[in-house]
Protein backbone atom coordinates (compact mmCIF):
# COMPACT_ATOMS: atom_id res chain seq x y z
CA MET A 1 21.86 10.91 25.86
CA ASN A 2 22.47 14.30 27.44
CA GLY A 3 19.23 16.15 28.12
CA TRP A 4 16.96 13.23 27.17
CA GLU A 5 14.20 12.15 29.56
CA MET A 6 11.29 9.74 29.65
CA VAL A 7 7.96 11.58 29.55
CA LYS A 8 4.32 10.56 29.58
CA ILE A 9 2.10 11.22 26.59
CA LYS A 10 -0.27 13.28 28.74
CA ASP A 11 2.56 15.69 29.65
CA ILE A 12 3.30 16.73 26.04
CA VAL A 13 -0.17 16.95 24.45
CA LYS A 14 -2.96 19.48 24.47
CA GLY A 15 -5.58 16.82 23.92
CA PHE A 16 -6.23 13.13 23.38
CA TYR A 17 -9.44 11.96 21.72
CA ASP A 18 -10.94 8.78 20.32
CA GLY A 19 -13.39 8.64 17.45
CA PRO A 20 -17.09 7.75 17.45
CA HIS A 21 -18.16 4.17 18.08
CA ALA A 22 -20.59 4.15 15.18
CA THR A 23 -20.64 4.81 11.45
CA PRO A 24 -22.56 7.65 9.77
CA LYS A 25 -24.71 7.19 6.70
CA GLU A 26 -22.74 7.28 3.47
CA SER A 27 -22.66 10.31 1.22
CA ASP A 28 -21.36 10.97 -2.28
CA THR A 29 -19.80 14.26 -1.21
CA GLY A 30 -18.81 16.11 1.93
CA ALA A 31 -16.00 15.64 4.45
CA VAL A 32 -13.76 12.59 4.56
CA PHE A 33 -14.78 9.89 7.03
CA LEU A 34 -11.28 8.79 7.97
CA GLY A 35 -10.95 5.02 8.42
CA ILE A 36 -8.11 2.68 9.27
CA GLY A 37 -7.79 1.89 5.57
CA ASN A 38 -6.86 5.53 4.96
CA ILE A 39 -3.69 5.19 7.06
CA LYS A 40 -0.71 3.54 5.41
CA PRO A 41 1.11 0.76 7.29
CA GLU A 42 4.38 2.68 6.88
CA GLY A 43 2.76 5.93 8.06
CA GLY A 44 0.86 8.69 6.29
CA ILE A 45 -2.59 9.37 4.86
CA ASP A 46 -3.92 7.45 1.84
CA LEU A 47 -6.92 9.07 0.15
CA SER A 48 -7.10 6.74 -2.84
CA ASP A 49 -10.30 5.17 -1.47
CA ILE A 50 -12.47 7.70 0.35
CA ARG A 51 -15.73 7.43 2.23
CA TYR A 52 -17.60 10.70 2.73
CA ILE A 53 -19.85 12.08 5.45
CA ALA A 54 -22.50 14.64 4.48
CA MET A 55 -21.78 18.20 5.63
CA GLU A 56 -25.10 18.37 7.49
CA ASP A 57 -23.87 15.48 9.65
CA PHE A 58 -20.30 16.75 10.02
CA ALA A 59 -20.88 18.97 13.09
CA LEU A 60 -22.40 16.06 15.02
CA TRP A 61 -19.56 13.68 14.19
CA THR A 62 -16.89 16.22 15.11
CA ARG A 63 -18.55 17.34 18.33
CA ARG A 64 -15.79 15.75 20.42
CA VAL A 65 -12.92 16.69 18.16
CA LYS A 66 -12.38 18.09 14.69
CA PRO A 67 -9.05 16.85 13.31
CA ARG A 68 -6.74 19.63 12.24
CA LYS A 69 -3.34 20.10 10.67
CA ASN A 70 -0.48 18.28 12.46
CA ASP A 71 -2.71 16.18 14.70
CA ILE A 72 -1.44 12.61 14.95
CA VAL A 73 -4.15 10.07 14.17
CA PHE A 74 -3.70 6.38 14.97
CA SER A 75 -5.53 3.06 15.11
CA TYR A 76 -6.20 1.57 18.53
CA GLU A 77 -8.15 -1.62 17.76
CA ALA A 78 -8.06 -4.51 15.25
CA THR A 79 -5.52 -3.26 12.68
CA LEU A 80 -2.84 -1.72 14.89
CA HIS A 81 0.38 0.27 14.42
CA ARG A 82 -1.09 2.75 11.92
CA TYR A 83 -0.07 6.41 12.39
CA ALA A 84 -0.42 9.54 10.27
CA LEU A 85 -0.19 13.30 10.45
CA ILE A 86 -3.31 15.19 9.42
CA PRO A 87 -2.28 17.30 6.39
CA ASP A 88 -3.28 20.88 5.74
CA ASP A 89 -6.73 21.48 4.21
CA LEU A 90 -8.04 17.96 4.92
CA LEU A 91 -11.61 18.26 6.16
CA CYS A 92 -12.33 15.01 7.95
CA CYS A 93 -13.71 13.31 11.02
CA LEU A 94 -12.38 10.30 12.89
CA GLY A 95 -13.78 6.91 11.96
CA ARG A 96 -14.28 3.92 14.22
CA ARG A 97 -11.22 2.52 16.02
CA LEU A 98 -9.23 5.69 15.43
CA ALA A 99 -7.94 8.24 17.94
CA LEU A 100 -5.74 11.31 17.79
CA ILE A 101 -3.32 13.30 19.91
CA ARG A 102 -2.70 17.03 19.60
CA VAL A 103 0.90 17.78 20.55
CA ASP A 104 1.72 20.84 22.66
CA ASP A 105 4.30 22.57 20.47
CA THR A 106 5.82 24.35 23.47
CA LYS A 107 6.88 20.98 24.84
CA ALA A 108 7.47 18.74 21.84
CA ASP A 109 7.83 18.75 18.05
CA PHE A 110 4.79 16.99 16.54
CA ARG A 111 6.99 15.44 13.83
CA PHE A 112 9.38 13.97 16.39
CA ILE A 113 6.44 12.43 18.28
CA TYR A 114 5.04 11.06 15.02
CA TYR A 115 8.34 9.39 14.15
CA THR A 116 8.62 8.02 17.67
CA LEU A 117 5.22 6.35 17.26
CA LEU A 118 6.56 4.66 14.11
CA SER A 119 9.64 3.36 15.91
CA PRO A 120 10.34 -0.22 17.08
CA PHE A 121 10.57 1.11 20.66
CA TRP A 122 6.97 2.32 20.55
CA LYS A 123 5.69 -0.78 18.76
CA ASN A 124 7.21 -2.98 21.45
CA GLN A 125 5.60 -0.88 24.17
CA ILE A 126 2.20 -1.14 22.49
CA GLU A 127 2.56 -4.91 22.04
CA SER A 128 3.33 -5.31 25.75
CA ARG A 129 0.21 -3.37 26.80
CA LEU A 130 -2.43 -4.75 24.44
CA ILE A 131 -5.76 -6.07 25.64
CA ALA A 132 -6.98 -9.21 23.87
CA GLY A 133 -10.69 -9.12 23.10
CA ALA A 134 -12.93 -11.90 21.84
CA THR A 135 -11.91 -11.32 18.22
CA VAL A 136 -9.42 -8.41 18.10
CA GLU A 137 -6.68 -6.78 20.14
CA ARG A 138 -6.81 -3.17 21.26
CA ILE A 139 -4.78 -0.50 22.98
CA PRO A 140 -6.20 0.35 26.44
CA LEU A 141 -7.10 3.99 25.78
CA ILE A 142 -7.61 4.74 29.45
CA GLU A 143 -3.94 3.88 30.04
CA PHE A 144 -2.59 5.41 26.84
CA PRO A 145 -1.92 8.92 28.26
CA ASN A 146 0.49 7.33 30.77
CA PHE A 147 2.55 5.55 28.11
CA GLN A 148 6.10 6.90 28.07
CA LEU A 149 8.56 7.87 25.34
CA PRO A 150 12.11 9.27 25.24
CA LEU A 151 12.26 13.03 24.62
CA PRO A 152 15.36 15.16 23.97
CA PRO A 153 15.43 18.98 24.14
CA LEU A 154 13.28 20.72 21.52
CA PRO A 155 16.19 21.77 19.24
CA ILE A 156 17.33 18.15 19.02
CA GLN A 157 13.77 16.99 18.35
CA ARG A 158 13.52 19.42 15.46
CA ARG A 159 16.88 18.40 14.04
CA ILE A 160 15.94 14.71 14.10
CA ALA A 161 12.53 15.44 12.58
CA ASP A 162 14.19 17.50 9.82
CA ILE A 163 16.50 14.61 8.89
CA LEU A 164 13.74 12.01 8.78
CA GLY A 165 11.37 14.44 7.11
CA ARG A 166 13.74 14.92 4.18
CA TYR A 167 13.82 11.20 3.59
CA ASP A 168 10.03 11.12 3.72
CA ALA A 169 9.86 13.99 1.23
CA LEU A 170 12.07 12.04 -1.17
CA ILE A 171 9.98 8.92 -0.67
CA ALA A 172 6.80 10.90 -1.41
CA ASN A 173 8.45 12.35 -4.52
CA TYR A 174 9.36 8.89 -5.82
CA GLN A 175 5.86 7.60 -5.07
CA GLN A 176 4.38 10.50 -7.03
CA GLN A 177 6.64 9.75 -9.99
CA ILE A 178 5.59 6.10 -9.91
CA SER A 179 1.92 7.06 -9.69
CA THR A 180 2.32 9.45 -12.65
CA LEU A 181 4.03 6.81 -14.78
CA GLU A 182 1.41 4.19 -13.90
CA GLY A 183 -1.26 6.72 -14.82
CA MET A 184 0.41 7.32 -18.19
CA ALA A 185 0.32 3.59 -18.99
CA GLN A 186 -3.33 3.30 -17.95
CA GLU A 187 -4.29 6.41 -19.96
CA LEU A 188 -2.58 5.00 -23.06
CA TYR A 189 -4.56 1.77 -22.61
CA ARG A 190 -7.83 3.71 -22.38
CA GLU A 191 -7.00 5.90 -25.38
CA TRP A 192 -6.19 2.96 -27.65
CA PHE A 193 -8.51 0.22 -26.42
CA VAL A 194 -11.43 1.93 -24.65
CA ARG A 195 -11.94 5.16 -26.59
CA GLY A 196 -10.87 3.51 -29.84
CA ARG A 197 -8.25 6.07 -30.84
CA CYS A 198 -5.38 3.72 -31.67
CA PRO A 199 -3.08 5.27 -34.32
CA HIS A 200 -1.87 1.87 -35.52
CA ALA A 201 -5.33 0.41 -36.19
CA GLU A 202 -6.83 0.08 -39.66
CA PRO A 203 -10.41 1.45 -39.55
CA GLY A 204 -13.14 -1.14 -39.90
CA GLU A 205 -16.27 -0.96 -41.97
CA ASP A 206 -19.22 1.21 -40.91
CA GLY A 207 -17.47 2.42 -37.77
CA GLY A 208 -17.03 -1.09 -36.38
CA LEU A 209 -13.95 -2.66 -34.88
CA PRO A 210 -10.63 -2.06 -36.63
CA VAL A 211 -9.60 -4.63 -39.22
CA GLY A 212 -8.47 -7.86 -37.56
CA TRP A 213 -9.73 -6.88 -34.10
CA ARG A 214 -12.47 -8.88 -32.41
CA VAL A 215 -14.21 -9.43 -29.10
CA GLY A 216 -13.39 -12.71 -27.40
CA LYS A 217 -13.14 -14.34 -24.00
CA LEU A 218 -10.50 -13.74 -21.37
CA ARG A 219 -9.56 -17.40 -21.44
CA GLU A 220 -8.26 -16.98 -24.99
CA ILE A 221 -5.33 -14.77 -23.91
CA ILE A 222 -4.22 -16.62 -20.77
CA SER A 223 -1.79 -19.50 -21.17
CA HIS A 224 -1.47 -20.53 -17.52
CA TYR A 225 -3.11 -19.89 -14.17
CA ILE A 226 -2.96 -21.62 -10.80
CA GLY A 227 -3.99 -20.91 -7.22
CA GLY A 228 -1.29 -19.90 -4.78
CA GLY A 229 0.05 -21.72 -1.76
CA TRP A 230 0.72 -21.07 1.90
CA GLY A 231 3.00 -23.84 3.13
CA ASN A 232 4.29 -24.16 6.70
CA ASP A 233 6.04 -21.93 9.19
CA GLU A 234 9.00 -24.28 9.58
CA PRO A 235 10.90 -26.52 7.13
CA SER A 236 10.36 -30.26 7.22
CA ALA A 237 10.94 -33.32 5.05
CA ASP A 238 7.63 -32.69 3.27
CA PHE A 239 8.00 -28.90 3.15
CA PRO A 240 11.71 -28.25 2.49
CA ILE A 241 11.66 -25.33 0.04
CA GLY A 242 11.64 -21.75 1.34
CA ALA A 243 9.85 -19.01 -0.59
CA TYR A 244 8.42 -15.57 -0.01
CA VAL A 245 4.62 -15.34 -0.23
CA ILE A 246 2.67 -12.40 -1.69
CA ARG A 247 -0.77 -11.92 -0.13
CA GLY A 248 -3.66 -9.96 -1.59
CA THR A 249 -3.38 -7.29 1.11
CA GLU A 250 0.14 -6.51 -0.13
CA ILE A 251 -0.84 -5.89 -3.76
CA PRO A 252 -1.41 -2.10 -3.41
CA ASN A 253 2.03 -1.64 -1.83
CA LEU A 254 3.60 -4.00 -4.36
CA LYS A 255 2.34 -1.79 -7.19
CA GLN A 256 4.13 1.08 -5.46
CA GLY A 257 7.34 -0.95 -5.30
CA GLN A 258 7.11 -1.85 -1.61
CA ILE A 259 7.64 -5.55 -0.99
CA ASN A 260 6.91 -7.38 2.25
CA SER A 261 9.86 -9.60 3.10
CA GLU A 262 8.37 -10.77 6.40
CA VAL A 263 6.22 -13.56 4.93
CA TYR A 264 8.70 -16.35 4.23
CA ARG A 265 7.36 -19.91 4.48
CA TYR A 266 8.24 -23.48 3.51
CA HIS A 267 6.59 -25.48 0.75
CA LYS A 268 6.53 -28.78 -1.08
CA LEU A 269 8.91 -28.95 -4.01
CA SER A 270 6.04 -29.66 -6.40
CA SER A 271 4.14 -26.63 -5.13
CA VAL A 272 7.06 -24.27 -5.72
CA GLU A 273 7.87 -25.74 -9.13
CA SER A 274 4.34 -25.11 -10.37
CA ARG A 275 3.84 -21.73 -8.68
CA GLN A 276 7.16 -19.89 -8.75
CA LEU A 277 6.56 -16.37 -10.00
CA ALA A 278 8.46 -15.09 -13.03
CA ALA A 279 8.73 -11.66 -14.61
CA GLY A 280 5.55 -11.00 -16.60
CA ASP A 281 3.29 -13.02 -14.30
CA ILE A 282 0.30 -11.33 -12.68
CA VAL A 283 -0.78 -11.88 -9.07
CA PHE A 284 -4.59 -11.67 -8.86
CA GLU A 285 -6.63 -11.65 -5.61
CA VAL A 286 -9.55 -14.11 -5.68
CA SER A 287 -10.63 -14.44 -2.04
CA GLY A 288 -10.95 -12.25 1.03
CA GLY A 289 -12.07 -8.75 0.19
CA SER A 290 -14.90 -6.85 1.88
CA ILE A 291 -17.87 -4.66 1.07
CA ASP A 292 -15.56 -1.66 0.76
CA GLN A 293 -12.73 -3.54 -0.98
CA PRO A 294 -13.78 -5.68 -3.96
CA LEU A 295 -11.64 -8.54 -5.24
CA GLY A 296 -9.62 -8.40 -8.42
CA ARG A 297 -6.70 -6.37 -7.15
CA ASN A 298 -3.66 -7.36 -9.14
CA ALA A 299 0.01 -6.59 -9.73
CA LEU A 300 2.46 -7.29 -12.51
CA ILE A 301 5.61 -9.09 -11.40
CA THR A 302 8.75 -7.51 -12.84
CA ASP A 303 12.45 -8.30 -12.81
CA GLU A 304 12.93 -5.42 -10.38
CA ILE A 305 10.39 -6.82 -7.92
CA LEU A 306 11.99 -10.27 -8.05
CA LYS A 307 15.41 -8.67 -7.54
CA GLN A 308 14.19 -6.99 -4.38
CA TYR A 309 12.99 -10.30 -2.94
CA GLY A 310 16.25 -12.02 -3.87
CA ASP A 311 14.73 -15.51 -3.51
CA THR A 312 11.87 -17.67 -4.78
CA VAL A 313 8.45 -16.00 -4.64
CA ILE A 314 4.93 -17.44 -4.93
CA CYS A 315 1.51 -15.94 -4.32
CA ALA A 316 -0.70 -16.87 -1.38
CA SER A 317 -3.59 -19.30 -1.52
CA PHE A 318 -6.14 -16.44 -1.69
CA CYS A 319 -4.56 -15.33 -4.99
CA LYS A 320 -3.90 -16.75 -8.44
CA GLN A 321 -0.78 -16.69 -10.56
CA ILE A 322 -1.74 -15.70 -14.13
CA ARG A 323 0.44 -15.81 -17.22
CA ALA A 324 -0.49 -14.10 -20.49
CA ASP A 325 -0.31 -16.06 -23.76
CA GLY A 326 2.54 -14.23 -25.47
CA ALA A 327 1.49 -15.51 -28.90
CA VAL A 328 -1.72 -13.46 -28.86
CA THR A 329 -1.33 -10.76 -26.20
CA SER A 330 1.12 -9.27 -23.70
CA SER A 331 1.40 -9.16 -19.93
CA TYR A 332 1.24 -5.35 -20.04
CA TYR A 333 -2.06 -5.40 -21.94
CA LEU A 334 -3.54 -8.11 -19.69
CA GLN A 335 -2.61 -6.38 -16.44
CA LEU A 336 -3.96 -3.01 -17.59
CA LEU A 337 -7.12 -4.78 -18.78
CA PHE A 338 -7.58 -6.17 -15.25
CA ASP A 339 -7.13 -2.68 -13.81
CA GLN A 340 -9.72 -1.30 -16.22
CA LEU A 341 -12.25 -4.01 -15.34
CA LEU A 342 -11.63 -3.33 -11.64
CA GLU A 343 -12.05 0.42 -12.00
CA THR A 344 -15.29 0.12 -14.02
CA GLN A 345 -16.58 -2.49 -11.50
CA GLU A 346 -17.25 -4.94 -14.32
CA MET A 347 -15.57 -7.66 -12.26
CA ASN A 348 -17.92 -7.17 -9.31
CA GLN A 349 -20.50 -9.46 -10.93
CA PHE A 350 -18.17 -12.41 -10.40
CA GLU A 351 -17.92 -11.95 -6.61
CA VAL A 352 -19.83 -14.13 -4.15
CA GLN A 353 -20.24 -13.17 -0.49
CA SER A 354 -20.06 -16.02 2.00
CA THR A 355 -19.92 -15.67 5.81
CA GLY A 356 -18.35 -12.24 5.54
CA ILE A 357 -15.65 -13.32 3.08
CA SER A 358 -15.84 -12.65 -0.64
CA ASN A 359 -14.84 -15.28 -3.18
CA PHE A 360 -14.25 -14.77 -6.88
CA ARG A 361 -15.77 -16.98 -9.57
CA PHE A 362 -12.58 -16.97 -11.60
CA GLU A 363 -13.64 -19.63 -14.10
CA ASP A 364 -16.75 -17.60 -14.90
CA LEU A 365 -14.59 -14.51 -15.42
CA LEU A 366 -12.53 -16.43 -17.97
CA ASP A 367 -15.58 -17.77 -19.82
CA TYR A 368 -18.07 -14.91 -19.67
CA GLN A 369 -16.12 -11.66 -19.48
CA PRO A 370 -15.90 -10.23 -23.02
CA VAL A 371 -12.57 -8.63 -23.85
CA LEU A 372 -11.21 -6.74 -26.81
CA LEU A 373 -8.59 -8.71 -28.76
CA PRO A 374 -6.49 -6.36 -30.92
CA VAL A 375 -4.19 -7.67 -33.62
CA LYS A 376 -0.67 -8.61 -32.51
CA HIS A 377 1.23 -5.82 -34.30
CA VAL A 378 -0.88 -3.23 -32.42
CA LEU A 379 -0.04 -4.91 -29.11
CA ASP A 380 3.64 -4.92 -30.08
CA SER A 381 3.45 -1.16 -30.70
CA PHE A 382 1.66 -0.74 -27.36
CA ASP A 383 4.39 -2.70 -25.57
CA LYS A 384 7.13 -0.58 -27.13
CA ILE A 385 5.64 2.46 -25.40
CA VAL A 386 4.64 0.84 -22.12
CA SER A 387 7.80 -1.22 -21.63
CA PRO A 388 10.15 1.72 -20.92
CA ILE A 389 7.50 3.23 -18.64
CA ARG A 390 7.38 0.00 -16.63
CA LYS A 391 11.17 -0.19 -16.66
CA LYS A 392 11.39 3.31 -15.21
CA VAL A 393 8.85 2.35 -12.55
CA GLY A 394 10.98 -0.67 -11.69
CA VAL A 395 14.13 1.44 -11.30
CA LEU A 396 12.27 3.96 -9.15
CA ASN A 397 10.92 1.11 -7.03
CA ILE A 398 14.44 -0.12 -6.27
CA GLN A 399 15.58 3.39 -5.37
CA LEU A 400 12.47 3.82 -3.26
CA THR A 401 13.25 0.62 -1.38
CA THR A 402 16.78 1.86 -0.66
CA LEU A 403 15.40 5.14 0.67
CA ARG A 404 12.93 3.34 2.93
CA GLN A 405 15.60 1.00 4.24
CA THR A 406 17.91 3.92 4.99
CA ARG A 407 15.17 5.85 6.78
CA ASP A 408 14.10 2.75 8.73
CA ALA A 409 17.70 2.17 9.81
CA LEU A 410 18.07 5.79 10.85
CA LEU A 411 14.78 6.10 12.70
CA PRO A 412 15.42 3.91 15.80
CA ARG A 413 19.02 5.08 16.18
CA LEU A 414 18.15 8.76 15.97
CA LEU A 415 15.13 8.42 18.24
CA SER A 416 17.11 6.54 20.87
CA GLY A 417 19.98 9.02 20.87
CA GLN A 418 22.48 6.44 19.56
CA LEU A 419 23.32 8.83 16.71
CA SER A 420 24.20 12.37 17.69
CA VAL A 421 22.78 15.17 15.57
CA GLU A 422 24.55 17.98 17.37
CA GLU A 423 28.02 17.82 15.83
CA GLU A 424 27.74 15.36 12.94
CA LYS A 425 28.71 16.40 9.38
CA PHE A 426 25.93 15.32 7.09
CA GLY A 427 25.98 14.12 3.46
CA SER A 428 23.60 15.29 0.76
CA VAL A 429 19.88 14.54 0.99
CA ASN A 430 17.64 16.32 -1.52
CA GLY A 431 20.23 19.00 -2.16
CA ARG A 432 21.00 19.68 1.51
CA GLU A 433 23.79 18.51 3.78
CA GLU A 434 22.97 15.36 5.73
CA THR A 435 24.79 12.35 7.10
CA ASP A 436 25.18 9.42 4.69
CA TYR A 437 23.64 6.54 6.61
CA SER A 438 23.09 4.31 3.56
CA GLN A 439 25.59 1.75 4.86
CA LEU A 440 23.90 1.30 8.23
């Protein structure tokens, strides 16, 4: 690794700051109060669920530091290994348990440092230096400026950052396409079944429900549901069957096509036989949650998702496996109905808080939540439109997984100098010449 050297964080940054150790009063508008939940596990900012700080309080909460474009923000306590670059035009302040570094661009490329923080090398260093508290682990911030990382000359840093950045741009493009397609399906649901503008419905009398439509109970359109399982870490005579497990925390990523293949456990045969997920099933979170994150998150299981896992899959014990009754409804309609109830907060009434953990009164949801029950031929017409949308999402998800795997294989090898970027001939990435590392 000609020209590479180990450097301390403090030698390549203009500043290092941690956030406030308190929480401001909530506001409906203003600047973004950036929390750990706004940083994706794979890196990057997620503004799908925002908490605001009033502008009159903003100056006080940014007195130490006001985050700006290209700062690297990261979590240092509780939920660790979260890193993101502050994008342009994001007005925000740091939340609790967050810190940031401001890279000196005369000494290092901020993108290269960001990718290094996402690397296995850096994760291992953090793990070896953690301080265990009474309930959570944390990075010792007083020692953090002395943590070291490998640094090549600036031109090499920029070249490596360019390569990885193009993969990230493609990943972001695919995620946007998926989000757009999901939005199209949800908008169609609202147009037909919320606003009442279904072109295949026969108008009812006196402006009432269309002919054949009625309001019923959720239980009427569900043919099967069962709580998930957790199993054991290791196989045994009683727990011989291996299976991947989907937890509630993974549902948002699952809807974006990102599976977690790290949770593989062993179960009783009877448990797997009764809980094995199939295409069309819905995973529904019924326990856990928080004040800021209500229960009811859900995801539709597709052939493409199952293909990515490549083995048996069940949902965790804090979730339920739900199967639509195909004789009267469809899995597409049911899943989009759940999303609608979650967005309108109608499901919140079925939550119960207990010792800091929320639990969902699922049986009450089935018996007391009124739902619109359209006639079957309307649902068939709905499925004919939504099905190809979901299929396209599934294909994009598989391609997205391949892109992530390629980038993740590249990242440690580029950042360690194992792959040279000085003389390599590169294959095509997003219309430009790059190395084809897809077989790594």
